[in-house]
Amino acid sequence: MAVADGFGLRCAASSGEAVAILGLERPGLLLIDLDMPERAGLSFLRSIRQGPHRDIPCVAITATNDPMLAVSCDAPVFFKPSLDGIEAAVSHLFWPDRTSRP
C-alpha cells in the first residue's frame, strides 16, 4: 500500500482483485474505472451498491463518451483523460456542507 499525505492507496488490476481486497480491508473511497478488465466496471459498481460495502463512497471514471452512463451510475462519473472536477466531487462526498477539503 502506498501512503502519501496520510492517505493510503491500494490498487486492483481487476474486479476480482478488488473483491479480494474488499474482503480484507474497508477503504474510505472507491475509485472505479468503468472500463476495467474482466467484468464491466458498471456491473462491479452495481454489485458494490447491493452488497455489504454499499455505504462506501464511490467515484467512477471512464473513457466512454456516453452521457447516459452518468445517469445509470449510482456515483459521480468523470470522463478520462481530463477528470475535471473530481477533487470537488470527492470533497463533496466527505464534506457535503463545504466547498473544499478542510
Protein backbone atom coordinates (compact mmCIF):
# COMPACT_ATOMS: atom_id res chain seq x y z
CA MET A 1 0.00 0.00 0.00
CA ALA A 2 1.33 3.43 -0.95
CA VAL A 3 0.83 6.21 1.60
CA ALA A 4 1.01 9.93 0.87
CA ASP A 5 -0.21 12.88 2.96
CA GLY A 6 -1.68 10.43 5.48
CA PHE A 7 -3.83 8.64 2.91
CA GLY A 8 -3.24 5.05 1.85
CA LEU A 9 -3.77 3.83 -1.68
CA ARG A 10 -4.40 0.28 -2.81
CA CYS A 11 -4.82 -0.55 -6.49
CA ALA A 12 -6.56 -3.54 -8.02
CA ALA A 13 -5.89 -4.65 -11.59
CA SER A 14 -9.32 -6.29 -11.96
CA SER A 15 -12.69 -6.56 -10.29
CA GLY A 16 -11.71 -9.98 -8.91
CA GLU A 17 -8.68 -8.47 -7.23
CA ALA A 18 -10.81 -5.59 -5.92
CA VAL A 19 -13.30 -8.04 -4.40
CA ALA A 20 -10.42 -9.89 -2.69
CA ILE A 21 -9.09 -6.62 -1.25
CA LEU A 22 -12.56 -5.64 -0.03
CA GLY A 23 -12.67 -8.95 1.83
CA LEU A 24 -9.56 -7.94 3.76
CA GLU A 25 -9.96 -4.23 4.35
CA ARG A 26 -12.53 -1.46 4.18
CA PRO A 27 -11.49 1.56 2.12
CA GLY A 28 -12.76 5.08 2.72
CA LEU A 29 -13.36 5.63 -1.01
CA LEU A 30 -13.58 3.51 -4.16
CA LEU A 31 -12.37 4.99 -7.45
CA ILE A 32 -13.80 2.65 -10.08
CA ASP A 33 -12.72 2.57 -13.70
CA LEU A 34 -15.86 1.63 -15.61
CA ASP A 35 -13.62 0.30 -18.41
CA MET A 36 -11.89 -2.26 -16.17
CA PRO A 37 -10.94 -5.70 -17.49
CA GLU A 38 -12.59 -9.00 -16.54
CA ARG A 39 -16.00 -7.68 -15.52
CA ALA A 40 -17.62 -4.46 -16.68
CA GLY A 41 -16.99 -1.65 -14.22
CA LEU A 42 -20.66 -0.69 -14.17
CA SER A 43 -21.55 -4.25 -13.16
CA PHE A 44 -18.88 -4.14 -10.45
CA LEU A 45 -20.18 -0.79 -9.17
CA ARG A 46 -23.74 -2.14 -9.06
CA SER A 47 -22.58 -5.21 -7.11
CA ILE A 48 -20.86 -2.92 -4.61
CA ARG A 49 -24.08 -0.89 -4.24
CA GLN A 50 -26.08 -4.05 -3.47
CA GLY A 51 -23.64 -5.71 -1.08
CA PRO A 52 -22.19 -5.14 2.37
CA HIS A 53 -19.95 -2.33 1.07
CA ARG A 54 -22.83 -0.21 -0.25
CA ASP A 55 -22.07 2.68 2.12
CA ILE A 56 -18.51 3.19 0.84
CA PRO A 57 -18.38 6.39 -1.25
CA CYS A 58 -17.63 5.66 -4.94
CA VAL A 59 -16.40 7.77 -7.82
CA ALA A 60 -16.44 6.34 -11.34
CA ILE A 61 -14.14 7.23 -14.24
CA THR A 62 -14.48 6.21 -17.88
CA ALA A 63 -13.22 6.90 -21.38
CA THR A 64 -16.66 6.07 -22.76
CA ASN A 65 -18.26 9.20 -24.13
CA ASP A 66 -21.82 8.31 -23.19
CA PRO A 67 -23.76 10.85 -21.09
CA MET A 68 -26.39 8.19 -20.27
CA LEU A 69 -23.70 6.28 -18.40
CA ALA A 70 -23.64 9.04 -15.78
CA VAL A 71 -27.42 8.69 -15.39
CA SER A 72 -27.26 4.90 -14.89
CA CYS A 73 -24.41 5.06 -12.35
CA ASP A 74 -25.02 5.47 -8.63
CA ALA A 75 -21.82 7.53 -8.34
CA PRO A 76 -20.33 10.72 -9.72
CA VAL A 77 -18.83 9.92 -13.16
CA PHE A 78 -15.83 11.64 -14.69
CA PHE A 79 -14.59 11.22 -18.21
CA LYS A 80 -10.93 10.48 -18.95
CA PRO A 81 -8.48 11.96 -19.66
CA SER A 82 -9.23 15.32 -18.01
CA LEU A 83 -11.10 14.28 -14.84
CA ASP A 84 -12.07 17.95 -14.37
CA GLY A 85 -13.95 18.41 -11.13
CA ILE A 86 -13.01 15.12 -9.49
CA GLU A 87 -11.40 16.82 -6.47
CA ALA A 88 -14.58 18.80 -5.80
CA ALA A 89 -16.74 15.67 -6.14
CA VAL A 90 -14.61 13.69 -3.69
CA SER A 91 -14.66 16.63 -1.26
CA HIS A 92 -18.45 16.77 -1.56
CA LEU A 93 -18.72 13.05 -0.73
CA PHE A 94 -16.86 13.56 2.54
CA TRP A 95 -17.74 17.17 3.42
CA PRO A 96 -21.10 17.93 1.74
CA ASP A 97 -21.54 21.22 3.64
CA ARG A 98 -18.19 22.61 2.44
CA THR A 99 -16.93 23.55 -0.98
CA SER A 100 -13.41 22.22 -0.40
CA ARG A 101 -11.44 19.88 1.83
CA PRO A 102 -10.73 21.25 5.35
